[in-house]
PDB file of N, CA and C in Angstrom:
ATOM      1  N   MET A   1     -18.951  98.515  39.853  1.00  0.00           N
ATOM      2  CA  MET A   1     -19.378  99.858  39.602  1.00  0.00           C
ATOM      3  C   MET A   1     -20.748  99.943  39.106  1.00  0.00           C
ATOM      4  N   LEU A   2     -21.345  98.971  38.471  1.00  0.00           N
ATOM      5  CA  LEU A   2     -22.607  98.935  37.986  1.00  0.00           C
ATOM      6  C   LEU A   2     -23.642  98.899  39.077  1.00  0.00           C
ATOM      7  N   LEU A   3     -23.273  98.219  40.234  1.00  0.00           N
ATOM      8  CA  LEU A   3     -24.169  97.945  41.236  1.00  0.00           C
ATOM      9  C   LEU A   3     -24.285  99.109  42.239  1.00  0.00           C
ATOM     10  N   LEU A   4     -23.469 100.072  42.117  1.00  0.00           N
ATOM     11  CA  LEU A   4     -23.620 101.233  43.101  1.00  0.00           C
ATOM     12  C   LEU A   4     -24.898 101.896  43.094  1.00  0.00           C
ATOM     13  N   PRO A   5     -25.519 102.165  41.985  1.00  0.00           N
ATOM     14  CA  PRO A   5     -26.899 102.757  42.075  1.00  0.00           C
ATOM     15  C   PRO A   5     -27.816 101.898  42.778  1.00  0.00           C
ATOM     16  N   VAL A   6     -27.800 100.505  42.548  1.00  0.00           N
ATOM     17  CA  VAL A   6     -28.640  99.622  43.344  1.00  0.00           C
ATOM     18  C   VAL A   6     -28.496  99.534  44.833  1.00  0.00           C
ATOM     19  N   ILE A   7     -27.135  99.629  45.139  1.00  0.00           N
ATOM     20  CA  ILE A   7     -26.827  99.614  46.575  1.00  0.00           C
ATOM     21  C   ILE A   7     -27.326 101.046  47.150  1.00  0.00           C
ATOM     22  N   ALA A   8     -27.218 102.134  46.547  1.00  0.00           N
ATOM     23  CA  ALA A   8     -27.685 103.265  46.984  1.00  0.00           C
ATOM     24  C   ALA A   8     -29.120 103.380  47.147  1.00  0.00           C
ATOM     25  N   VAL A   9     -29.995 102.747  46.239  1.00  0.00           N
ATOM     26  CA  VAL A   9     -31.317 102.760  46.411  1.00  0.00           C
ATOM     27  C   VAL A   9     -31.743 101.779  47.516  1.00  0.00           C
ATOM     28  N   GLY A  10     -31.060 100.658  47.735  1.00  0.00           N
ATOM     29  CA  GLY A  10     -31.290  99.744  48.763  1.00  0.00           C
ATOM     30  C   GLY A  10     -31.078 100.505  50.159  1.00  0.00           C
ATOM     31  N   ILE A  11     -29.990 101.255  50.265  1.00  0.00           N
ATOM     32  CA  ILE A  11     -29.796 101.978  51.494  1.00  0.00           C
ATOM     33  C   ILE A  11     -30.842 102.916  51.773  1.00  0.00           C
ATOM     34  N   GLY A  12     -31.211 103.703  50.722  1.00  0.00           N
ATOM     35  CA  GLY A  12     -32.258 104.748  50.839  1.00  0.00           C
ATOM     36  C   GLY A  12     -33.637 103.995  51.273  1.00  0.00           C
ATOM     37  N   VAL A  13     -33.965 102.963  50.709  1.00  0.00           N
ATOM     38  CA  VAL A  13     -35.187 102.229  51.104  1.00  0.00           C
ATOM     39  C   VAL A  13     -35.049 101.768  52.643  1.00  0.00           C
ATOM     40  N   MET A  14     -33.929 101.375  53.050  1.00  0.00           N
ATOM     41  CA  MET A  14     -33.739 100.911  54.329  1.00  0.00           C
ATOM     42  C   MET A  14     -34.001 102.086  55.271  1.00  0.00           C
ATOM     43  N   PHE A  15     -33.403 103.222  55.024  1.00  0.00           N
ATOM     44  CA  PHE A  15     -33.597 104.389  55.840  1.00  0.00           C
ATOM     45  C   PHE A  15     -35.053 104.936  55.831  1.00  0.00           C
ATOM     46  N   ALA A  16     -35.692 104.762  54.612  1.00  0.00           N
ATOM     47  CA  ALA A  16     -37.112 105.210  54.551  1.00  0.00           C
ATOM     48  C   ALA A  16     -37.964 104.255  55.474  1.00  0.00           C
ATOM     49  N   LEU A  17     -37.730 102.963  55.412  1.00  0.00           N
ATOM     50  CA  LEU A  17     -38.464 102.185  56.290  1.00  0.00           C
ATOM     51  C   LEU A  17     -38.174 102.219  57.698  1.00  0.00           C
ATOM     52  N   ALA A  18     -36.952 102.530  58.102  1.00  0.00           N
ATOM     53  CA  ALA A  18     -36.593 102.723  59.469  1.00  0.00           C
ATOM     54  C   ALA A  18     -37.250 104.000  59.914  1.00  0.00           C
ATOM     55  N   GLY A  19     -37.413 105.024  59.164  1.00  0.00           N
ATOM     56  CA  GLY A  19     -38.015 106.298  59.499  1.00  0.00           C
ATOM     57  C   GLY A  19     -39.556 106.159  59.693  1.00  0.00           C
ATOM     58  N   LEU A  20     -40.068 105.297  58.785  1.00  0.00           N
ATOM     59  CA  LEU A  20     -41.578 104.884  58.997  1.00  0.00           C
ATOM     60  C   LEU A  20     -41.765 104.127  60.263  1.00  0.00           C
ATOM     61  N   ALA A  21     -40.889 103.296  60.641  1.00  0.00           N
ATOM     62  CA  ALA A  21     -41.000 102.474  61.814  1.00  0.00           C
ATOM     63  C   ALA A  21     -40.884 103.333  63.058  1.00  0.00           C
ATOM     64  N   ALA A  22     -39.886 104.309  63.083  1.00  0.00           N
ATOM     65  CA  ALA A  22     -39.791 105.252  64.152  1.00  0.00           C
ATOM     66  C   ALA A  22     -41.039 106.177  64.254  1.00  0.00           C
ATOM     67  N   ALA A  23     -41.643 106.615  63.162  1.00  0.00           N
ATOM     68  CA  ALA A  23     -42.791 107.433  63.296  1.00  0.00           C
ATOM     69  C   ALA A  23     -44.018 106.648  63.775  1.00  0.00           C
ATOM     70  N   ALA A  24     -44.083 105.353  63.334  1.00  0.00           N
ATOM     71  CA  ALA A  24     -45.089 104.514  63.938  1.00  0.00           C
ATOM     72  C   ALA A  24     -45.008 104.384  65.403  1.00  0.00           C
ATOM     73  N   LEU A  25     -43.696 104.135  65.875  1.00  0.00           N
ATOM     74  CA  LEU A  25     -43.506 103.970  67.326  1.00  0.00           C
ATOM     75  C   LEU A  25     -43.897 105.272  68.065  1.00  0.00           C
ATOM     76  N   VAL A  26     -43.520 106.374  67.482  1.00  0.00           N
ATOM     77  CA  VAL A  26     -43.886 107.654  68.165  1.00  0.00           C
ATOM     78  C   VAL A  26     -45.465 107.821  68.210  1.00  0.00           C
ATOM     79  N   LEU A  27     -46.107 107.406  67.101  1.00  0.00           N
ATOM     80  CA  LEU A  27     -47.495 107.496  66.990  1.00  0.00           C
ATOM     81  C   LEU A  27     -48.134 106.574  68.172  1.00  0.00           C
ATOM     82  N   LEU A  28     -47.598 105.367  68.280  1.00  0.00           N
ATOM     83  CA  LEU A  28     -48.124 104.508  69.288  1.00  0.00           C
ATOM     84  C   LEU A  28     -47.903 104.987  70.721  1.00  0.00           C
ATOM     85  N   ILE A  29     -46.774 105.577  70.958  1.00  0.00           N
ATOM     86  CA  ILE A  29     -46.511 106.243  72.356  1.00  0.00           C
ATOM     87  C   ILE A  29     -47.439 107.344  72.532  1.00  0.00           C
ATOM     88  N   ALA A  30     -47.706 108.224  71.564  1.00  0.00           N
ATOM     89  CA  ALA A  30     -48.633 109.263  71.678  1.00  0.00           C
ATOM     90  C   ALA A  30     -50.092 108.793  71.929  1.00  0.00           C
ATOM     91  N   ALA A  31     -50.439 107.669  71.197  1.00  0.00           N
ATOM     92  CA  ALA A  31     -51.792 107.159  71.382  1.00  0.00           C
ATOM     93  C   ALA A  31     -51.940 106.553  72.870  1.00  0.00           C
ATOM     94  N   ILE A  32     -50.952 105.960  73.382  1.00  0.00           N
ATOM     95  CA  ILE A  32     -51.016 105.399  74.696  1.00  0.00           C
ATOM     96  C   ILE A  32     -51.068 106.647  75.711  1.00  0.00           C
ATOM     97  N   GLY A  33     -50.314 107.615  75.536  1.00  0.00           N
ATOM     98  CA  GLY A  33     -50.319 108.811  76.333  1.00  0.00           C
ATOM     99  C   GLY A  33     -51.739 109.427  76.401  1.00  0.00           C
ATOM    100  N   VAL A  34     -52.365 109.618  75.159  1.00  0.00           N
ATOM    101  CA  VAL A  34     -53.726 110.181  75.099  1.00  0.00           C
ATOM    102  C   VAL A  34     -54.734 109.278  75.774  1.00  0.00           C
ATOM    103  N   THR A  35     -54.519 108.019  75.674  1.00  0.00           N
ATOM    104  CA  THR A  35     -55.494 106.997  76.314  1.00  0.00           C
ATOM    105  C   THR A  35     -55.492 107.169  77.773  1.00  0.00           C
ATOM    106  N   ILE A  36     -54.249 107.315  78.332  1.00  0.00           N
ATOM    107  CA  ILE A  36     -54.062 107.463  79.777  1.00  0.00           C
ATOM    108  C   ILE A  36     -54.648 108.837  80.239  1.00  0.00           C
ATOM    109  N   TRP A  37     -54.409 109.921  79.470  1.00  0.00           N
ATOM    110  CA  TRP A  37     -54.961 111.200  79.803  1.00  0.00           C
ATOM    111  C   TRP A  37     -56.430 111.099  79.772  1.00  0.00           C
ATOM    112  N   LEU A  38     -57.110 110.452  78.839  1.00  0.00           N
ATOM    113  CA  LEU A  38     -58.538 110.497  78.694  1.00  0.00           C
ATOM    114  C   LEU A  38     -59.093 109.706  79.905  1.00  0.00           C
ATOM    115  N   CYS A  39     -58.381 108.588  80.283  1.00  0.00           N
ATOM    116  CA  CYS A  39     -58.935 107.752  81.378  1.00  0.00           C
ATOM    117  C   CYS A  39     -58.825 108.531  82.778  1.00  0.00           C
ATOM    118  N   ARG A  40     -57.807 109.327  82.892  1.00  0.00           N
ATOM    119  CA  ARG A  40     -57.607 110.121  84.115  1.00  0.00           C
ATOM    120  C   ARG A  40     -58.599 111.218  84.225  1.00  0.00           C
ATOM    121  N   SER A  41     -58.949 111.847  83.075  1.00  0.00           N
ATOM    122  CA  SER A  41     -59.745 113.042  83.018  1.00  0.00           C
ATOM    123  C   SER A  41     -61.146 112.729  82.700  1.00  0.00           C
ATOM    124  N   ARG A  42     -61.550 111.515  82.777  1.00  0.00           N
ATOM    125  CA  ARG A  42     -62.899 111.072  82.257  1.00  0.00           C
ATOM    126  C   ARG A  42     -63.988 111.712  83.140  1.00  0.00           C
ATOM    127  N   GLU A  43     -63.904 111.702  84.488  1.00  0.00           N
ATOM    128  CA  GLU A  43     -64.981 112.242  85.281  1.00  0.00           C
ATOM    129  C   GLU A  43     -65.022 113.764  85.133  1.00  0.00           C
ATOM    130  N   GLN A  44     -63.948 114.460  85.000  1.00  0.00           N
ATOM    131  CA  GLN A  44     -63.928 115.881  84.765  1.00  0.00           C
ATOM    132  C   GLN A  44     -64.559 116.297  83.446  1.00  0.00           C
ATOM    133  N   ARG A  45     -64.256 115.535  82.373  1.00  0.00           N
ATOM    134  CA  ARG A  45     -64.762 115.809  81.154  1.00  0.00           C
ATOM    135  C   ARG A  45     -66.217 115.509  81.026  1.00  0.00           C
ATOM    136  N   ARG A  46     -66.617 114.500  81.801  1.00  0.00           N
ATOM    137  CA  ARG A  46     -68.136 114.217  81.742  1.00  0.00           C
ATOM    138  C   ARG A  46     -68.843 115.234  82.475  1.00  0.00           C
ATOM    139  N   ALA A  47     -68.288 115.736  83.651  1.00  0.00           N
ATOM    140  CA  ALA A  47     -68.977 116.740  84.312  1.00  0.00           C
ATOM    141  C   ALA A  47     -69.150 118.148  83.514  1.00  0.00           C
ATOM    142  N   GLU A  48     -68.181 118.323  82.668  1.00  0.00           N
ATOM    143  CA  GLU A  48     -68.176 119.577  81.831  1.00  0.00           C
ATOM    144  C   GLU A  48     -69.036 119.320  80.522  1.00  0.00           C
ATOM    145  N   GLY A  49     -69.414 118.154  80.369  1.00  0.00           N
ATOM    146  CA  GLY A  49     -70.346 117.804  79.163  1.00  0.00           C
ATOM    147  C   GLY A  49     -69.568 117.719  77.876  1.00  0.00           C
ATOM    148  N   LYS A  50     -68.219 117.483  77.927  1.00  0.00           N
ATOM    149  CA  LYS A  50     -67.466 117.347  76.679  1.00  0.00           C
ATOM    150  C   LYS A  50     -67.578 115.792  76.197  1.00  0.00           C
ATOM    151  N   SER A  51     -67.585 115.854  74.880  1.00  0.00           N
ATOM    152  CA  SER A  51     -67.614 114.506  74.137  1.00  0.00           C
ATOM    153  C   SER A  51     -66.166 114.024  73.788  1.00  0.00           C
ATOM    154  N   ASN A  52     -66.050 112.633  73.801  1.00  0.00           N
ATOM    155  CA  ASN A  52     -64.767 112.155  73.464  1.00  0.00           C
ATOM    156  C   ASN A  52     -64.710 111.517  72.003  1.00  0.00           C
ATOM    157  N   VAL A  53     -65.641 112.003  71.165  1.00  0.00           N
ATOM    158  CA  VAL A  53     -65.789 111.331  69.834  1.00  0.00           C
ATOM    159  C   VAL A  53     -64.568 111.615  69.057  1.00  0.00           C
ATOM    160  N   GLY A  54     -64.068 112.768  68.956  1.00  0.00           N
ATOM    161  CA  GLY A  54     -62.903 113.140  68.179  1.00  0.00           C
ATOM    162  C   GLY A  54     -61.622 112.439  68.734  1.00  0.00           C
ATOM    163  N   TRP A  55     -61.486 112.315  69.995  1.00  0.00           N
ATOM    164  CA  TRP A  55     -60.368 111.611  70.579  1.00  0.00           C
ATOM    165  C   TRP A  55     -60.433 110.180  70.239  1.00  0.00           C
ATOM    166  N   THR A  56     -61.685 109.569  70.290  1.00  0.00           N
ATOM    167  CA  THR A  56     -61.824 108.103  69.958  1.00  0.00           C
ATOM    168  C   THR A  56     -61.582 107.866  68.497  1.00  0.00           C
ATOM    169  N   ILE A  57     -61.874 108.782  67.614  1.00  0.00           N
ATOM    170  CA  ILE A  57     -61.547 108.492  66.261  1.00  0.00           C
ATOM    171  C   ILE A  57     -60.014 108.650  66.081  1.00  0.00           C
ATOM    172  N   PHE A  58     -59.322 109.619  66.741  1.00  0.00           N
ATOM    173  CA  PHE A  58     -58.014 109.743  66.630  1.00  0.00           C
ATOM    174  C   PHE A  58     -57.216 108.454  67.252  1.00  0.00           C
ATOM    175  N   LEU A  59     -57.718 107.992  68.409  1.00  0.00           N
ATOM    176  CA  LEU A  59     -57.022 106.755  68.984  1.00  0.00           C
ATOM    177  C   LEU A  59     -57.242 105.604  68.063  1.00  0.00           C
ATOM    178  N   VAL A  60     -58.471 105.248  67.582  1.00  0.00           N
ATOM    179  CA  VAL A  60     -58.631 104.153  66.722  1.00  0.00           C
ATOM    180  C   VAL A  60     -57.705 104.217  65.477  1.00  0.00           C
ATOM    181  N   SER A  61     -57.685 105.341  64.823  1.00  0.00           N
ATOM    182  CA  SER A  61     -56.786 105.456  63.633  1.00  0.00           C
ATOM    183  C   SER A  61     -55.299 105.240  64.015  1.00  0.00           C
ATOM    184  N   ALA A  62     -54.972 105.937  65.105  1.00  0.00           N
ATOM    185  CA  ALA A  62     -53.508 105.842  65.577  1.00  0.00           C
ATOM    186  C   ALA A  62     -53.125 104.372  65.955  1.00  0.00           C
ATOM    187  N   TYR A  63     -53.858 103.778  66.655  1.00  0.00           N
ATOM    188  CA  TYR A  63     -53.684 102.372  67.016  1.00  0.00           C
ATOM    189  C   TYR A  63     -53.483 101.555  65.797  1.00  0.00           C
ATOM    190  N   LEU A  64     -54.517 101.592  64.840  1.00  0.00           N
ATOM    191  CA  LEU A  64     -54.458 100.823  63.755  1.00  0.00           C
ATOM    192  C   LEU A  64     -53.305 101.049  62.780  1.00  0.00           C
ATOM    193  N   LEU A  65     -52.961 102.348  62.628  1.00  0.00           N
ATOM    194  CA  LEU A  65     -51.798 102.665  61.876  1.00  0.00           C
ATOM    195  C   LEU A  65     -50.483 102.143  62.345  1.00  0.00           C
ATOM    196  N   SER A  66     -50.322 102.537  63.680  1.00  0.00           N
ATOM    197  CA  SER A  66     -49.054 102.153  64.302  1.00  0.00           C
ATOM    198  C   SER A  66     -48.751 100.684  64.520  1.00  0.00           C
ATOM    199  N   ILE A  67     -49.769  99.966  65.046  1.00  0.00           N
ATOM    200  CA  ILE A  67     -49.607  98.622  65.293  1.00  0.00           C
ATOM    201  C   ILE A  67     -49.450  97.723  64.098  1.00  0.00           C
ATOM    202  N   SER A  68     -50.272  98.121  63.035  1.00  0.00           N
ATOM    203  CA  SER A  68     -50.190  97.268  61.734  1.00  0.00           C
ATOM    204  C   SER A  68     -48.761  97.483  61.178  1.00  0.00           C
ATOM    205  N   TYR A  69     -48.270  98.689  61.150  1.00  0.00           N
ATOM    206  CA  TYR A  69     -46.947  98.974  60.562  1.00  0.00           C
ATOM    207  C   TYR A  69     -45.879  98.321  61.411  1.00  0.00           C
ATOM    208  N   LEU A  70     -45.967  98.424  62.698  1.00  0.00           N
ATOM    209  CA  LEU A  70     -44.924  97.909  63.494  1.00  0.00           C
ATOM    210  C   LEU A  70     -44.901  96.295  63.377  1.00  0.00           C
ATOM    211  N   ALA A  71     -46.018  95.664  63.261  1.00  0.00           N
ATOM    212  CA  ALA A  71     -46.108  94.283  63.015  1.00  0.00           C
ATOM    213  C   ALA A  71     -45.391  93.919  61.738  1.00  0.00           C
ATOM    214  N   PHE A  72     -45.741  94.717  60.725  1.00  0.00           N
ATOM    215  CA  PHE A  72     -45.102  94.380  59.391  1.00  0.00           C
ATOM    216  C   PHE A  72     -43.540  94.689  59.479  1.00  0.00           C
ATOM    217  N   PHE A  73     -43.160  95.677  60.239  1.00  0.00           N
ATOM    218  CA  PHE A  73     -41.685  95.884  60.319  1.00  0.00           C
ATOM    219  C   PHE A  73     -40.966  94.739  61.016  1.00  0.00           C
ATOM    220  N   ILE A  74     -41.589  94.245  62.105  1.00  0.00           N
ATOM    221  CA  ILE A  74     -41.059  93.202  62.842  1.00  0.00           C
ATOM    222  C   ILE A  74     -40.930  91.949  62.076  1.00  0.00           C
ATOM    223  N   LEU A  75     -42.014  91.630  61.384  1.00  0.00           N
ATOM    224  CA  LEU A  75     -41.944  90.467  60.423  1.00  0.00           C
ATOM    225  C   LEU A  75     -40.933  90.682  59.357  1.00  0.00           C
ATOM    226  N   LEU A  76     -40.691  91.847  58.862  1.00  0.00           N
ATOM    227  CA  LEU A  76     -39.680  92.197  57.892  1.00  0.00           C
ATOM    228  C   LEU A  76     -38.268  91.867  58.447  1.00  0.00           C
ATOM    229  N   LEU A  77     -38.136  92.381  59.734  1.00  0.00           N
ATOM    230  CA  LEU A  77     -36.852  92.089  60.356  1.00  0.00           C
ATOM    231  C   LEU A  77     -36.521  90.646  60.642  1.00  0.00           C
ATOM    232  N   ILE A  78     -37.640  89.950  61.067  1.00  0.00           N
ATOM    233  CA  ILE A  78     -37.375  88.487  61.256  1.00  0.00           C
ATOM    234  C   ILE A  78     -37.120  87.819  59.895  1.00  0.00           C
ATOM    235  N   SER A  79     -37.804  88.214  58.856  1.00  0.00           N
ATOM    236  CA  SER A  79     -37.507  87.614  57.571  1.00  0.00           C
ATOM    237  C   SER A  79     -36.031  87.925  57.072  1.00  0.00           C
ATOM    238  N   THR A  80     -35.590  89.147  57.367  1.00  0.00           N
ATOM    239  CA  THR A  80     -34.344  89.551  56.966  1.00  0.00           C
ATOM    240  C   THR A  80     -33.230  88.726  57.606  1.00  0.00           C
ATOM    241  N   PHE A  81     -33.304  88.584  58.897  1.00  0.00           N
ATOM    242  CA  PHE A  81     -32.263  87.941  59.683  1.00  0.00           C
ATOM    243  C   PHE A  81     -32.304  86.455  59.652  1.00  0.00           C
ATOM    244  N   THR A  82     -33.483  85.803  59.404  1.00  0.00           N
ATOM    245  CA  THR A  82     -33.537  84.372  59.306  1.00  0.00           C
ATOM    246  C   THR A  82     -33.409  83.835  57.936  1.00  0.00           C
ATOM    247  N   GLY A  83     -33.767  84.739  56.921  1.00  0.00           N
ATOM    248  CA  GLY A  83     -33.627  84.304  55.578  1.00  0.00           C
ATOM    249  C   GLY A  83     -34.764  83.465  55.112  1.00  0.00           C
ATOM    250  N   GLU A  84     -35.772  83.305  56.002  1.00  0.00           N
ATOM    251  CA  GLU A  84     -36.990  82.576  55.694  1.00  0.00           C
ATOM    252  C   GLU A  84     -38.131  83.581  55.523  1.00  0.00           C
ATOM    253  N   SER A  85     -39.134  83.106  54.690  1.00  0.00           N
ATOM    254  CA  SER A  85     -40.298  83.886  54.482  1.00  0.00           C
ATOM    255  C   SER A  85     -41.239  83.779  55.680  1.00  0.00           C
ATOM    256  N   VAL A  86     -41.662  84.875  56.303  1.00  0.00           N
ATOM    257  CA  VAL A  86     -42.578  84.874  57.411  1.00  0.00           C
ATOM    258  C   VAL A  86     -44.014  85.259  56.894  1.00  0.00           C
ATOM    259  N   THR A  87     -45.008  84.424  57.188  1.00  0.00           N
ATOM    260  CA  THR A  87     -46.358  84.650  56.789  1.00  0.00           C
ATOM    261  C   THR A  87     -47.138  84.712  58.037  1.00  0.00           C
ATOM    262  N   VAL A  88     -48.307  85.435  57.955  1.00  0.00           N
ATOM    263  CA  VAL A  88     -49.294  85.530  58.989  1.00  0.00           C
ATOM    264  C   VAL A  88     -50.525  84.853  58.599  1.00  0.00           C
ATOM    265  N   GLY A  89     -50.932  83.853  59.441  1.00  0.00           N
ATOM    266  CA  GLY A  89     -52.212  83.276  59.073  1.00  0.00           C
ATOM    267  C   GLY A  89     -52.074  81.822  58.553  1.00  0.00           C
TER     268      GLY A  89
END
């Protein structure tokens, strides 16, 4: 009976981490889509004189945020299922 709050918090943390991983995956998919769109419309945007600075800043931040969190989540899953500590480097 005393462990029920601890279990509830653990389940809540699990769902929070799964939600963050899902958001990081969606962000990665969106960044890939924007990259493909920018590559396909490169000549048209250049002819119109439009700059890609804003999109570049978005893409760099999106890739850094999504890939770093997904790597952390994958290492966390490996650590959970193997029972061993996983370190990078």
